[in-house]
Each structure stands twice: as structure tokens, then as C-alpha cells.
Amino acid sequence: MNFIKNVQIFLAAVFFTAIAACSSAPTAEDYAARAQLPNNTVQSPAPSTTSSPGTPSAAAILKNQYHLGNGDRIRITVFGEPDLSGEFVVDGAGQISIPLIGEINAAGSSIRDLQRRLEAEYRSGYLNDPKISAEVVNYRPYYIMGEINRPGEYPYMSGLTVLNAVATAQGFTYRANKREVFIRSADELQERKVVVSSSLQVHPGDTIRIGERLF
């Protein structure tokens, strides 16, 4: 009798264990429901383009190191002398025409050098203690040519990169070599081959040539 009772208890235990296992196993509906849950994967933040404290901006570097050339528009302010102040464009000969002084060569000079020269010129016979401020209002244009959809001359903007210039010119043609470009600076006679990167800068007066890729 005890033997039969023990068998019944054992079979009951097996039965309830099987039911519990079936109820806890995931079904096809469970997997489908899980697939519809929102994806909470955390994406890495985009790289920051903000300069860290103490790092000079592209505009500051350009202002301190830039040499004037044909097409640059300069604002010159002679403090206390509005008739002598104004905006002047560097001509094809590299000169600007300044009131009282006349023609003065500006090409190849930095803004600071030009400012000192103007102060010296005015001090030599026109003004007792001239105070002069000079700044570039519009930089000379850059040029892009070759395998580009809209080659030509474009106005320069501070911080411009080669990829920005390509986008402004409506992008590469299908034949373009997108990995390397040729750049000739305004003060250089020969172009140089440069690997394209997101940080490759364009300078005023640069000529960018997009070559053809090898198929």
C-alpha cells in the first residue's frame, strides 16, 4: 500500500514540474514581443568641434600669420581722423591707395606690419602721434577646379576646409579622386599633393585641384 502511495506522489511531482517548466519557457509570441521593444543602445557622442580653453581659433591664427595679397579688402581706422579712415582693396600690383600717403605696397605684409608702416608714414610729416587700427574685412577668394561639379572662384570664410570647399562647389564628379587633392598657395609656384582629411584647411588665395581617380 505504501509503495503505491509513494508512486502516486512521485508521479504527481513529475506532473507539476512539467507544467511549471512549460509555463516558464518562452514562446514564439514572447520572442516577437521582445523584438518590438525599443532599442536602448547608447550611441557615442559626436566629436566636439569646440576649441578647448587656451587653444587659438582658426580666425586668431589667420589674423596673426596671414600675409596680405591681391583682392583682400582692408579696413583702416585712423583714430580722430575720419577723413583718413576707410576700406581699401589690395590691387593686382599688391598696393593700396591711402589718403595723404598715396600708393603703399601691402602684398606680403601682415596686418601688424602694415599698421606699423602706416603709423610711421603718417608720423613722418602728417600727424603728431597717429593711432591706427587695421583689419581684413574680406579675404581674397579661393579657387577650386578639376573633377568638381561647379569649378570656379569662391569667397573665403574663416575656418574653411577642403571638404567645405568641395561641398560649396556641389561635390565631386563620379571620376574624382576623393582621397587626395592638389593645393597651390597664393605665394607658391607649384602645387602639392595632400591627403584629404576633415581638418585640411583652405587659406585665402589657395587653388584646389581635384584629380581624376584611376579606375
N, C-alpha and C. Protein backbone atom coordinates (compact mmCIF):
# COMPACT_ATOMS: atom_id res chain seq x y z
N MET A 1 0.83 -1.20 0.00
CA MET A 1 0.00 0.00 0.00
C MET A 1 0.87 1.25 0.00
N ASN A 2 1.85 1.23 0.90
CA ASN A 2 2.77 2.39 0.95
C ASN A 2 3.51 2.56 -0.37
N PHE A 3 3.82 1.43 -1.01
CA PHE A 3 4.54 1.50 -2.29
C PHE A 3 3.71 2.23 -3.34
N ILE A 4 2.41 1.88 -3.42
CA ILE A 4 1.52 2.52 -4.40
C ILE A 4 1.37 4.00 -4.11
N LYS A 5 1.27 4.35 -2.82
CA LYS A 5 1.13 5.76 -2.43
C LYS A 5 2.35 6.55 -2.81
N ASN A 6 3.52 5.94 -2.61
CA ASN A 6 4.77 6.64 -2.96
C ASN A 6 4.86 6.87 -4.47
N VAL A 7 4.41 5.86 -5.25
CA VAL A 7 4.42 6.01 -6.71
C VAL A 7 3.51 7.15 -7.13
N GLN A 8 2.33 7.24 -6.50
CA GLN A 8 1.39 8.31 -6.84
C GLN A 8 1.98 9.69 -6.52
N ILE A 9 2.64 9.79 -5.38
CA ILE A 9 3.27 11.07 -5.00
C ILE A 9 4.35 11.45 -6.00
N PHE A 10 5.16 10.47 -6.42
CA PHE A 10 6.24 10.72 -7.38
C PHE A 10 5.70 11.20 -8.72
N LEU A 11 4.62 10.50 -9.21
CA LEU A 11 4.03 10.88 -10.49
C LEU A 11 3.42 12.28 -10.43
N ALA A 12 2.82 12.61 -9.29
CA ALA A 12 2.23 13.95 -9.14
C ALA A 12 3.31 15.02 -9.17
N ALA A 13 4.44 14.73 -8.53
CA ALA A 13 5.55 15.70 -8.52
C ALA A 13 6.09 15.93 -9.91
N VAL A 14 6.24 14.82 -10.68
CA VAL A 14 6.73 14.94 -12.06
C VAL A 14 5.76 15.75 -12.90
N PHE A 15 4.45 15.53 -12.71
CA PHE A 15 3.42 16.22 -13.49
C PHE A 15 3.46 17.72 -13.25
N PHE A 16 3.51 18.12 -11.98
CA PHE A 16 3.51 19.56 -11.67
C PHE A 16 4.81 20.22 -12.09
N THR A 17 5.92 19.49 -12.04
CA THR A 17 7.20 20.04 -12.51
C THR A 17 7.17 20.32 -13.99
N ALA A 18 6.58 19.40 -14.77
CA ALA A 18 6.48 19.57 -16.23
C ALA A 18 5.61 20.77 -16.57
N ILE A 19 4.49 20.92 -15.82
CA ILE A 19 3.61 22.07 -16.07
C ILE A 19 4.34 23.38 -15.80
N ALA A 20 5.10 23.43 -14.70
CA ALA A 20 5.84 24.65 -14.36
C ALA A 20 6.87 24.99 -15.41
N ALA A 21 7.54 23.95 -15.94
CA ALA A 21 8.57 24.18 -16.97
C ALA A 21 7.95 24.73 -18.24
N CYS A 22 6.78 24.19 -18.61
CA CYS A 22 6.11 24.65 -19.84
C CYS A 22 5.64 26.08 -19.70
N SER A 23 5.15 26.42 -18.51
CA SER A 23 4.64 27.77 -18.32
C SER A 23 5.74 28.81 -18.30
N SER A 24 6.98 28.42 -17.91
CA SER A 24 8.08 29.39 -17.83
C SER A 24 8.89 29.48 -19.10
N ALA A 25 8.77 28.50 -20.03
CA ALA A 25 9.55 28.52 -21.27
C ALA A 25 9.03 29.61 -22.19
N PRO A 26 9.90 30.41 -22.82
CA PRO A 26 9.45 31.47 -23.73
C PRO A 26 8.83 30.88 -24.98
N THR A 27 7.75 31.50 -25.42
CA THR A 27 7.06 31.06 -26.63
C THR A 27 7.47 31.92 -27.80
N ALA A 28 6.97 31.57 -29.00
CA ALA A 28 7.24 32.37 -30.20
C ALA A 28 6.69 33.77 -30.04
N GLU A 29 5.50 33.86 -29.35
CA GLU A 29 4.91 35.18 -29.12
C GLU A 29 5.80 36.03 -28.22
N ASP A 30 6.46 35.37 -27.24
CA ASP A 30 7.37 36.10 -26.36
C ASP A 30 8.52 36.71 -27.14
N TYR A 31 9.12 35.90 -28.04
CA TYR A 31 10.24 36.41 -28.84
C TYR A 31 9.80 37.56 -29.74
N ALA A 32 8.60 37.46 -30.32
CA ALA A 32 8.10 38.53 -31.19
C ALA A 32 7.90 39.81 -30.40
N ALA A 33 7.38 39.67 -29.17
CA ALA A 33 7.17 40.85 -28.33
C ALA A 33 8.49 41.51 -27.97
N ARG A 34 9.51 40.68 -27.68
CA ARG A 34 10.82 41.23 -27.34
C ARG A 34 11.43 41.98 -28.52
N ALA A 35 11.21 41.47 -29.72
CA ALA A 35 11.78 42.11 -30.92
C ALA A 35 11.21 43.49 -31.14
N GLN A 36 9.96 43.74 -30.60
CA GLN A 36 9.32 45.02 -30.80
C GLN A 36 9.68 46.03 -29.73
N LEU A 37 10.41 45.62 -28.71
CA LEU A 37 10.82 46.54 -27.67
C LEU A 37 11.79 47.57 -28.23
N PRO A 38 11.77 48.82 -27.75
CA PRO A 38 12.69 49.85 -28.27
C PRO A 38 14.13 49.51 -27.97
N ASN A 39 15.00 49.87 -28.90
CA ASN A 39 16.43 49.63 -28.73
C ASN A 39 17.03 50.75 -27.90
N ASN A 40 17.55 50.44 -26.76
CA ASN A 40 18.09 51.45 -25.85
C ASN A 40 19.61 51.52 -25.90
N THR A 41 20.18 51.11 -27.04
CA THR A 41 21.64 51.16 -27.17
C THR A 41 22.12 52.61 -27.10
N VAL A 42 23.10 52.88 -26.30
CA VAL A 42 23.63 54.23 -26.14
C VAL A 42 24.67 54.48 -27.21
N GLN A 43 24.50 55.56 -27.98
CA GLN A 43 25.45 55.91 -29.02
C GLN A 43 26.51 56.84 -28.48
N SER A 44 27.70 56.71 -29.06
CA SER A 44 28.79 57.58 -28.64
C SER A 44 28.50 59.00 -29.08
N PRO A 45 28.80 60.01 -28.26
CA PRO A 45 28.56 61.40 -28.65
C PRO A 45 29.43 61.79 -29.82
N ALA A 46 28.91 62.71 -30.64
CA ALA A 46 29.68 63.21 -31.78
C ALA A 46 30.89 63.97 -31.28
N PRO A 47 31.99 63.90 -32.02
CA PRO A 47 33.18 64.64 -31.60
C PRO A 47 32.88 66.12 -31.47
N SER A 48 33.41 66.73 -30.44
CA SER A 48 33.21 68.16 -30.23
C SER A 48 34.12 68.96 -31.13
N THR A 49 33.55 70.03 -31.74
CA THR A 49 34.35 70.90 -32.61
C THR A 49 34.74 72.18 -31.89
N THR A 50 34.38 72.27 -30.60
CA THR A 50 34.71 73.47 -29.85
C THR A 50 36.16 73.41 -29.38
N SER A 51 36.86 74.51 -29.56
CA SER A 51 38.25 74.57 -29.13
C SER A 51 38.33 74.54 -27.62
N SER A 52 39.30 73.84 -27.08
CA SER A 52 39.49 73.79 -25.65
C SER A 52 40.04 75.12 -25.17
N PRO A 53 39.83 75.46 -23.89
CA PRO A 53 40.34 76.72 -23.38
C PRO A 53 41.84 76.87 -23.60
N GLY A 54 42.23 78.05 -24.08
CA GLY A 54 43.64 78.30 -24.32
C GLY A 54 44.10 77.94 -25.71
N THR A 55 43.23 77.27 -26.51
CA THR A 55 43.59 76.90 -27.88
C THR A 55 43.17 78.02 -28.82
N PRO A 56 44.10 78.58 -29.61
CA PRO A 56 43.73 79.67 -30.50
C PRO A 56 42.80 79.19 -31.60
N SER A 57 41.83 80.01 -31.95
CA SER A 57 40.89 79.67 -33.01
C SER A 57 41.54 79.85 -34.36
N ALA A 58 40.87 79.29 -35.40
CA ALA A 58 41.39 79.44 -36.76
C ALA A 58 41.45 80.90 -37.16
N ALA A 59 40.45 81.69 -36.70
CA ALA A 59 40.43 83.11 -37.04
C ALA A 59 41.61 83.84 -36.41
N ALA A 60 41.95 83.49 -35.15
CA ALA A 60 43.07 84.15 -34.48
C ALA A 60 44.39 83.80 -35.14
N ILE A 61 44.56 82.53 -35.52
CA ILE A 61 45.79 82.12 -36.20
C ILE A 61 45.92 82.83 -37.53
N LEU A 62 44.81 82.92 -38.27
CA LEU A 62 44.83 83.58 -39.58
C LEU A 62 45.19 85.05 -39.43
N LYS A 63 44.63 85.70 -38.42
CA LYS A 63 44.89 87.13 -38.22
C LYS A 63 46.36 87.39 -37.93
N ASN A 64 46.99 86.53 -37.16
CA ASN A 64 48.37 86.75 -36.75
C ASN A 64 49.39 86.33 -37.81
N GLN A 65 49.06 85.35 -38.63
CA GLN A 65 50.04 84.79 -39.56
C GLN A 65 49.77 85.13 -41.02
N TYR A 66 48.62 85.69 -41.31
CA TYR A 66 48.22 85.91 -42.70
C TYR A 66 49.01 87.03 -43.36
N HIS A 67 49.38 86.82 -44.62
CA HIS A 67 50.05 87.84 -45.41
C HIS A 67 49.10 88.34 -46.49
N LEU A 68 48.96 89.63 -46.58
CA LEU A 68 48.01 90.25 -47.49
C LEU A 68 48.36 89.97 -48.94
N GLY A 69 47.32 90.00 -49.78
CA GLY A 69 47.54 89.77 -51.20
C GLY A 69 46.43 90.38 -52.04
N ASN A 70 46.55 90.24 -53.33
CA ASN A 70 45.61 90.79 -54.28
C ASN A 70 44.17 90.34 -54.00
N GLY A 71 43.27 91.32 -53.84
CA GLY A 71 41.86 91.02 -53.60
C GLY A 71 41.43 91.18 -52.16
N ASP A 72 42.35 91.29 -51.22
CA ASP A 72 41.98 91.48 -49.82
C ASP A 72 41.41 92.89 -49.61
N ARG A 73 40.33 92.97 -48.88
CA ARG A 73 39.74 94.26 -48.52
C ARG A 73 40.09 94.57 -47.07
N ILE A 74 40.70 95.71 -46.84
CA ILE A 74 41.21 96.07 -45.52
C ILE A 74 40.48 97.31 -45.00
N ARG A 75 40.08 97.27 -43.74
CA ARG A 75 39.52 98.45 -43.09
C ARG A 75 40.62 99.11 -42.25
N ILE A 76 40.91 100.36 -42.55
CA ILE A 76 41.93 101.11 -41.83
C ILE A 76 41.26 102.26 -41.10
N THR A 77 41.48 102.33 -39.80
CA THR A 77 40.90 103.39 -38.98
C THR A 77 42.02 104.23 -38.38
N VAL A 78 42.02 105.51 -38.72
CA VAL A 78 42.96 106.46 -38.11
C VAL A 78 42.15 107.21 -37.05
N PHE A 79 42.42 106.92 -35.79
CA PHE A 79 41.61 107.46 -34.71
C PHE A 79 41.69 108.99 -34.67
N GLY A 80 40.49 109.60 -34.62
CA GLY A 80 40.42 111.06 -34.61
C GLY A 80 40.50 111.69 -35.99
N GLU A 81 40.65 110.87 -37.04
CA GLU A 81 40.78 111.37 -38.41
C GLU A 81 39.87 110.57 -39.34
N PRO A 82 38.55 110.83 -39.28
CA PRO A 82 37.62 110.05 -40.10
C PRO A 82 37.86 110.19 -41.60
N ASP A 83 38.38 111.34 -42.04
CA ASP A 83 38.63 111.53 -43.47
C ASP A 83 39.77 110.65 -43.98
N LEU A 84 40.60 110.18 -43.08
CA LEU A 84 41.73 109.33 -43.47
C LEU A 84 41.40 107.84 -43.32
N SER A 85 40.25 107.56 -42.75
CA SER A 85 39.85 106.17 -42.50
C SER A 85 38.98 105.65 -43.63
N GLY A 86 38.93 104.34 -43.78
CA GLY A 86 38.08 103.74 -44.81
C GLY A 86 38.47 102.32 -45.12
N GLU A 87 37.86 101.76 -46.17
CA GLU A 87 38.17 100.41 -46.62
C GLU A 87 38.92 100.48 -47.95
N PHE A 88 39.94 99.64 -48.06
CA PHE A 88 40.83 99.68 -49.21
C PHE A 88 41.09 98.25 -49.70
N VAL A 89 41.11 98.09 -51.02
CA VAL A 89 41.33 96.77 -51.62
C VAL A 89 42.73 96.70 -52.21
N VAL A 90 43.43 95.62 -51.90
CA VAL A 90 44.76 95.40 -52.46
C VAL A 90 44.60 95.11 -53.95
N ASP A 91 45.25 95.92 -54.79
CA ASP A 91 45.07 95.76 -56.24
C ASP A 91 45.99 94.69 -56.81
N GLY A 92 45.93 94.53 -58.14
CA GLY A 92 46.71 93.49 -58.79
C GLY A 92 48.21 93.66 -58.65
N ALA A 93 48.64 94.90 -58.38
CA ALA A 93 50.06 95.17 -58.17
C ALA A 93 50.47 95.01 -56.72
N GLY A 94 49.50 94.64 -55.86
CA GLY A 94 49.80 94.44 -54.44
C GLY A 94 49.79 95.72 -53.63
N GLN A 95 49.17 96.79 -54.16
CA GLN A 95 49.20 98.08 -53.47
C GLN A 95 47.81 98.53 -53.05
N ILE A 96 47.79 99.45 -52.08
CA ILE A 96 46.57 100.15 -51.68
C ILE A 96 46.85 101.65 -51.73
N SER A 97 45.82 102.43 -52.02
CA SER A 97 45.97 103.88 -52.12
C SER A 97 45.42 104.52 -50.85
N ILE A 98 46.30 105.16 -50.07
CA ILE A 98 45.97 105.71 -48.77
C ILE A 98 45.94 107.24 -48.84
N PRO A 99 44.92 107.88 -48.24
CA PRO A 99 44.87 109.34 -48.24
C PRO A 99 46.15 109.97 -47.67
N LEU A 100 46.63 111.02 -48.31
CA LEU A 100 47.85 111.76 -47.97
C LEU A 100 49.12 110.99 -48.31
N ILE A 101 49.14 109.72 -48.04
CA ILE A 101 50.35 108.92 -48.27
C ILE A 101 50.48 108.53 -49.73
N GLY A 102 49.36 108.13 -50.35
CA GLY A 102 49.40 107.65 -51.72
C GLY A 102 49.52 106.13 -51.78
N GLU A 103 50.18 105.64 -52.82
CA GLU A 103 50.32 104.19 -53.02
C GLU A 103 51.33 103.61 -52.03
N ILE A 104 50.93 102.52 -51.41
CA ILE A 104 51.83 101.82 -50.49
C ILE A 104 51.68 100.32 -50.74
N ASN A 105 52.79 99.62 -50.77
CA ASN A 105 52.75 98.19 -51.04
C ASN A 105 52.24 97.43 -49.81
N ALA A 106 51.21 96.61 -50.03
CA ALA A 106 50.62 95.84 -48.93
C ALA A 106 50.83 94.35 -49.09
N ALA A 107 51.00 93.89 -50.32
CA ALA A 107 51.13 92.45 -50.57
C ALA A 107 52.34 91.88 -49.84
N GLY A 108 52.13 90.77 -49.18
CA GLY A 108 53.21 90.11 -48.45
C GLY A 108 53.36 90.59 -47.01
N SER A 109 52.66 91.65 -46.65
CA SER A 109 52.74 92.18 -45.29
C SER A 109 51.66 91.57 -44.41
N SER A 110 51.95 91.44 -43.13
CA SER A 110 50.91 91.06 -42.18
C SER A 110 50.15 92.33 -41.80
N ILE A 111 49.00 92.15 -41.17
CA ILE A 111 48.21 93.30 -40.74
C ILE A 111 49.00 94.16 -39.76
N ARG A 112 49.72 93.53 -38.85
CA ARG A 112 50.50 94.29 -37.87
C ARG A 112 51.61 95.08 -38.55
N ASP A 113 52.28 94.46 -39.52
CA ASP A 113 53.34 95.17 -40.25
C ASP A 113 52.77 96.38 -40.99
N LEU A 114 51.64 96.19 -41.65
CA LEU A 114 51.02 97.30 -42.38
C LEU A 114 50.62 98.42 -41.44
N GLN A 115 50.08 98.06 -40.30
CA GLN A 115 49.67 99.06 -39.31
C GLN A 115 50.86 99.89 -38.85
N ARG A 116 51.99 99.25 -38.56
CA ARG A 116 53.19 99.98 -38.12
C ARG A 116 53.72 100.88 -39.22
N ARG A 117 53.70 100.40 -40.45
CA ARG A 117 54.20 101.20 -41.57
C ARG A 117 53.34 102.44 -41.80
N LEU A 118 52.03 102.27 -41.69
CA LEU A 118 51.14 103.42 -41.86
C LEU A 118 51.35 104.45 -40.75
N GLU A 119 51.52 103.99 -39.53
CA GLU A 119 51.79 104.92 -38.43
C GLU A 119 53.09 105.68 -38.66
N ALA A 120 54.11 104.97 -39.15
CA ALA A 120 55.39 105.63 -39.43
C ALA A 120 55.26 106.64 -40.56
N GLU A 121 54.49 106.31 -41.60
CA GLU A 121 54.31 107.23 -42.73
C GLU A 121 53.57 108.49 -42.29
N TYR A 122 52.50 108.33 -41.54
CA TYR A 122 51.75 109.50 -41.08
C TYR A 122 52.56 110.33 -40.08
N ARG A 123 53.35 109.68 -39.26
CA ARG A 123 54.16 110.38 -38.27
C ARG A 123 55.28 111.19 -38.92
N SER A 124 55.71 110.77 -40.09
CA SER A 124 56.87 111.41 -40.74
C SER A 124 56.57 112.81 -41.27
N GLY A 125 55.31 113.22 -41.35
CA GLY A 125 55.06 114.57 -41.86
C GLY A 125 53.62 114.99 -41.86
N TYR A 126 52.72 114.15 -41.32
CA TYR A 126 51.31 114.50 -41.39
C TYR A 126 50.63 114.59 -40.03
N LEU A 127 50.88 113.65 -39.15
CA LEU A 127 50.23 113.61 -37.85
C LEU A 127 51.28 113.48 -36.75
N ASN A 128 50.99 114.09 -35.59
CA ASN A 128 51.96 114.07 -34.49
C ASN A 128 52.08 112.68 -33.87
N ASP A 129 50.97 112.10 -33.49
CA ASP A 129 51.00 110.79 -32.81
C ASP A 129 49.86 109.92 -33.33
N PRO A 130 49.97 109.43 -34.55
CA PRO A 130 48.86 108.67 -35.15
C PRO A 130 48.62 107.33 -34.45
N LYS A 131 47.36 107.04 -34.24
CA LYS A 131 46.94 105.74 -33.72
C LYS A 131 46.08 105.07 -34.80
N ILE A 132 46.54 103.93 -35.28
CA ILE A 132 45.91 103.30 -36.43
C ILE A 132 45.53 101.86 -36.12
N SER A 133 44.35 101.49 -36.56
CA SER A 133 43.88 100.10 -36.46
C SER A 133 43.63 99.59 -37.87
N ALA A 134 44.05 98.36 -38.14
CA ALA A 134 43.84 97.76 -39.46
C ALA A 134 43.31 96.33 -39.28
N GLU A 135 42.39 95.95 -40.13
CA GLU A 135 41.84 94.60 -40.10
C GLU A 135 41.36 94.20 -41.49
N VAL A 136 41.37 92.90 -41.75
CA VAL A 136 40.88 92.40 -43.03
C VAL A 136 39.36 92.24 -42.93
N VAL A 137 38.65 92.91 -43.82
CA VAL A 137 37.19 92.83 -43.85
C VAL A 137 36.76 91.62 -44.68
N ASN A 138 37.31 91.49 -45.86
CA ASN A 138 37.05 90.35 -46.74
C ASN A 138 38.37 89.81 -47.27
N TYR A 139 38.58 88.52 -47.08
CA TYR A 139 39.80 87.89 -47.61
C TYR A 139 39.63 87.62 -49.10
N ARG A 140 40.75 87.54 -49.78
CA ARG A 140 40.72 87.21 -51.21
C ARG A 140 40.09 85.83 -51.41
N PRO A 141 39.50 85.59 -52.56
CA PRO A 141 38.80 84.31 -52.79
C PRO A 141 39.77 83.14 -52.96
N TYR A 142 39.22 81.96 -52.92
CA TYR A 142 39.98 80.76 -53.26
C TYR A 142 39.39 80.18 -54.54
N TYR A 143 40.09 79.25 -55.14
CA TYR A 143 39.67 78.68 -56.43
C TYR A 143 39.67 77.15 -56.33
N ILE A 144 38.68 76.55 -56.93
CA ILE A 144 38.61 75.09 -56.95
C ILE A 144 38.32 74.64 -58.38
N MET A 145 39.04 73.64 -58.85
CA MET A 145 38.95 73.22 -60.24
C MET A 145 39.14 71.71 -60.34
N GLY A 146 39.02 71.19 -61.56
CA GLY A 146 39.21 69.76 -61.78
C GLY A 146 37.91 68.99 -61.71
N GLU A 147 37.96 67.82 -61.08
CA GLU A 147 36.81 66.91 -61.03
C GLU A 147 35.83 67.34 -59.93
N ILE A 148 35.21 68.48 -60.18
CA ILE A 148 34.25 69.06 -59.25
C ILE A 148 33.06 69.55 -60.08
N ASN A 149 31.88 69.52 -59.52
CA ASN A 149 30.69 69.84 -60.32
C ASN A 149 30.57 71.31 -60.70
N ARG A 150 31.05 72.21 -59.83
CA ARG A 150 30.96 73.64 -60.16
C ARG A 150 32.31 74.31 -59.88
N PRO A 151 33.28 74.11 -60.73
CA PRO A 151 34.59 74.75 -60.54
C PRO A 151 34.47 76.26 -60.65
N GLY A 152 35.38 76.95 -59.98
CA GLY A 152 35.36 78.41 -60.08
C GLY A 152 35.95 79.10 -58.87
N GLU A 153 35.65 80.38 -58.76
CA GLU A 153 36.13 81.24 -57.67
C GLU A 153 35.05 81.34 -56.61
N TYR A 154 35.47 81.24 -55.33
CA TYR A 154 34.52 81.30 -54.22
C TYR A 154 35.06 82.19 -53.11
N PRO A 155 34.17 82.90 -52.40
CA PRO A 155 34.62 83.75 -51.29
C PRO A 155 35.14 82.92 -50.13
N TYR A 156 36.20 83.40 -49.52
CA TYR A 156 36.81 82.68 -48.41
C TYR A 156 36.08 83.00 -47.11
N MET A 157 35.97 81.99 -46.23
CA MET A 157 35.44 82.16 -44.89
C MET A 157 36.40 81.53 -43.89
N SER A 158 36.55 82.17 -42.75
CA SER A 158 37.48 81.68 -41.75
C SER A 158 37.12 80.26 -41.31
N GLY A 159 38.13 79.40 -41.21
CA GLY A 159 37.92 78.02 -40.79
C GLY A 159 37.53 77.08 -41.91
N LEU A 160 37.56 77.56 -43.16
CA LEU A 160 37.15 76.74 -44.30
C LEU A 160 38.08 75.53 -44.47
N THR A 161 37.49 74.37 -44.73
CA THR A 161 38.26 73.16 -45.01
C THR A 161 38.07 72.76 -46.47
N VAL A 162 38.90 71.84 -46.93
CA VAL A 162 38.79 71.35 -48.30
C VAL A 162 37.43 70.70 -48.53
N LEU A 163 36.96 69.94 -47.55
CA LEU A 163 35.65 69.29 -47.71
C LEU A 163 34.52 70.31 -47.75
N ASN A 164 34.65 71.42 -46.99
CA ASN A 164 33.68 72.50 -47.10
C ASN A 164 33.68 73.10 -48.50
N ALA A 165 34.89 73.30 -49.03
CA ALA A 165 35.02 73.87 -50.37
C ALA A 165 34.40 72.96 -51.42
N VAL A 166 34.61 71.66 -51.28
CA VAL A 166 34.03 70.69 -52.21
C VAL A 166 32.50 70.74 -52.14
N ALA A 167 31.96 70.82 -50.93
CA ALA A 167 30.51 70.88 -50.77
C ALA A 167 29.94 72.16 -51.39
N THR A 168 30.65 73.27 -51.21
CA THR A 168 30.20 74.54 -51.80
C THR A 168 30.17 74.46 -53.32
N ALA A 169 31.10 73.70 -53.88
CA ALA A 169 31.17 73.54 -55.34
C ALA A 169 30.32 72.37 -55.83
N GLN A 170 29.32 71.99 -55.04
CA GLN A 170 28.34 70.96 -55.43
C GLN A 170 28.91 69.55 -55.51
N GLY A 171 30.04 69.31 -54.84
CA GLY A 171 30.54 67.96 -54.69
C GLY A 171 31.44 67.47 -55.81
N PHE A 172 32.02 66.28 -55.57
CA PHE A 172 32.90 65.65 -56.54
C PHE A 172 32.11 65.13 -57.75
N THR A 173 32.79 65.02 -58.88
CA THR A 173 32.23 64.27 -60.00
C THR A 173 32.46 62.78 -59.75
N TYR A 174 31.85 61.94 -60.56
CA TYR A 174 32.00 60.49 -60.36
C TYR A 174 33.41 60.02 -60.67
N ARG A 175 34.18 60.85 -61.40
CA ARG A 175 35.55 60.46 -61.75
C ARG A 175 36.58 60.93 -60.72
N ALA A 176 36.15 61.67 -59.73
CA ALA A 176 37.08 62.35 -58.82
C ALA A 176 37.84 61.39 -57.91
N ASN A 177 39.09 61.74 -57.66
CA ASN A 177 39.89 61.08 -56.62
C ASN A 177 39.55 61.78 -55.31
N LYS A 178 38.82 61.12 -54.44
CA LYS A 178 38.34 61.72 -53.21
C LYS A 178 39.32 61.59 -52.06
N ARG A 179 40.43 60.93 -52.28
CA ARG A 179 41.39 60.69 -51.21
C ARG A 179 42.54 61.69 -51.20
N GLU A 180 42.85 62.25 -52.35
CA GLU A 180 43.97 63.19 -52.45
C GLU A 180 43.56 64.38 -53.32
N VAL A 181 44.09 65.56 -52.96
CA VAL A 181 43.85 66.76 -53.77
C VAL A 181 45.18 67.47 -53.97
N PHE A 182 45.20 68.41 -54.90
CA PHE A 182 46.38 69.22 -55.16
C PHE A 182 46.07 70.66 -54.75
N ILE A 183 46.96 71.26 -53.96
CA ILE A 183 46.75 72.62 -53.47
C ILE A 183 47.97 73.48 -53.81
N ARG A 184 47.69 74.66 -54.33
CA ARG A 184 48.76 75.64 -54.57
C ARG A 184 48.39 76.91 -53.83
N SER A 185 49.25 77.32 -52.90
CA SER A 185 49.02 78.56 -52.16
C SER A 185 49.29 79.76 -53.04
N ALA A 186 48.79 80.91 -52.62
CA ALA A 186 48.93 82.12 -53.42
C ALA A 186 50.39 82.52 -53.61
N ASP A 187 51.24 82.18 -52.65
CA ASP A 187 52.65 82.57 -52.73
C ASP A 187 53.54 81.42 -53.20
N GLU A 188 52.95 80.36 -53.74
CA GLU A 188 53.72 79.22 -54.23
C GLU A 188 53.60 79.10 -55.75
N LEU A 189 54.64 78.60 -56.38
CA LEU A 189 54.63 78.42 -57.82
C LEU A 189 54.14 77.04 -58.23
N GLN A 190 54.32 76.06 -57.35
CA GLN A 190 53.93 74.69 -57.68
C GLN A 190 52.90 74.17 -56.68
N GLU A 191 52.02 73.31 -57.18
CA GLU A 191 51.03 72.70 -56.32
C GLU A 191 51.63 71.51 -55.59
N ARG A 192 51.02 71.12 -54.50
CA ARG A 192 51.48 69.97 -53.73
C ARG A 192 50.31 69.02 -53.52
N LYS A 193 50.63 67.73 -53.49
CA LYS A 193 49.60 66.71 -53.27
C LYS A 193 49.37 66.54 -51.77
N VAL A 194 48.10 66.52 -51.37
CA VAL A 194 47.75 66.44 -49.96
C VAL A 194 46.65 65.39 -49.78
N VAL A 195 46.77 64.60 -48.73
CA VAL A 195 45.74 63.61 -48.39
C VAL A 195 44.54 64.34 -47.77
N VAL A 196 43.36 64.04 -48.23
CA VAL A 196 42.15 64.71 -47.75
C VAL A 196 41.81 64.23 -46.34
N SER A 197 41.50 65.18 -45.47
CA SER A 197 41.02 64.87 -44.12
C SER A 197 40.01 65.94 -43.72
N SER A 198 39.27 65.67 -42.66
CA SER A 198 38.24 66.61 -42.23
C SER A 198 38.83 67.91 -41.70
N SER A 199 40.12 67.91 -41.36
CA SER A 199 40.76 69.10 -40.79
C SER A 199 41.66 69.83 -41.77
N LEU A 200 41.71 69.39 -43.03
CA LEU A 200 42.58 70.02 -44.02
C LEU A 200 42.06 71.42 -44.35
N GLN A 201 42.83 72.44 -43.99
CA GLN A 201 42.39 73.82 -44.11
C GLN A 201 42.66 74.41 -45.49
N VAL A 202 41.79 75.34 -45.87
CA VAL A 202 41.97 76.16 -47.07
C VAL A 202 42.34 77.56 -46.61
N HIS A 203 43.26 78.21 -47.32
CA HIS A 203 43.66 79.57 -47.00
C HIS A 203 43.29 80.52 -48.13
N PRO A 204 43.13 81.80 -47.83
CA PRO A 204 42.78 82.76 -48.88
C PRO A 204 43.77 82.70 -50.04
N GLY A 205 43.23 82.70 -51.25
CA GLY A 205 44.08 82.66 -52.43
C GLY A 205 44.51 81.29 -52.87
N ASP A 206 44.17 80.25 -52.10
CA ASP A 206 44.54 78.88 -52.48
C ASP A 206 43.83 78.46 -53.77
N THR A 207 44.51 77.63 -54.54
CA THR A 207 43.90 76.98 -55.70
C THR A 207 43.87 75.48 -55.42
N ILE A 208 42.68 74.91 -55.41
CA ILE A 208 42.49 73.48 -55.12
C ILE A 208 42.15 72.77 -56.43
N ARG A 209 42.89 71.74 -56.73
CA ARG A 209 42.60 70.96 -57.94
C ARG A 209 42.25 69.52 -57.55
N ILE A 210 41.10 69.08 -58.01
CA ILE A 210 40.64 67.71 -57.75
C ILE A 210 41.03 66.85 -58.95
N GLY A 211 41.88 65.86 -58.71
CA GLY A 211 42.33 64.99 -59.79
C GLY A 211 41.34 63.88 -60.11
N GLU A 212 41.67 63.12 -61.13
CA GLU A 212 40.82 62.01 -61.56
C GLU A 212 41.35 60.71 -60.97
N ARG A 213 40.46 59.90 -60.46
CA ARG A 213 40.88 58.63 -59.87
C ARG A 213 41.17 57.61 -60.96
N LEU A 214 41.96 56.62 -60.61
CA LEU A 214 42.29 55.55 -61.54
C LEU A 214 41.25 54.45 -61.42
N PHE A 215 40.61 54.10 -62.49
CA PHE A 215 39.56 53.07 -62.47
C PHE A 215 40.19 51.69 -62.51
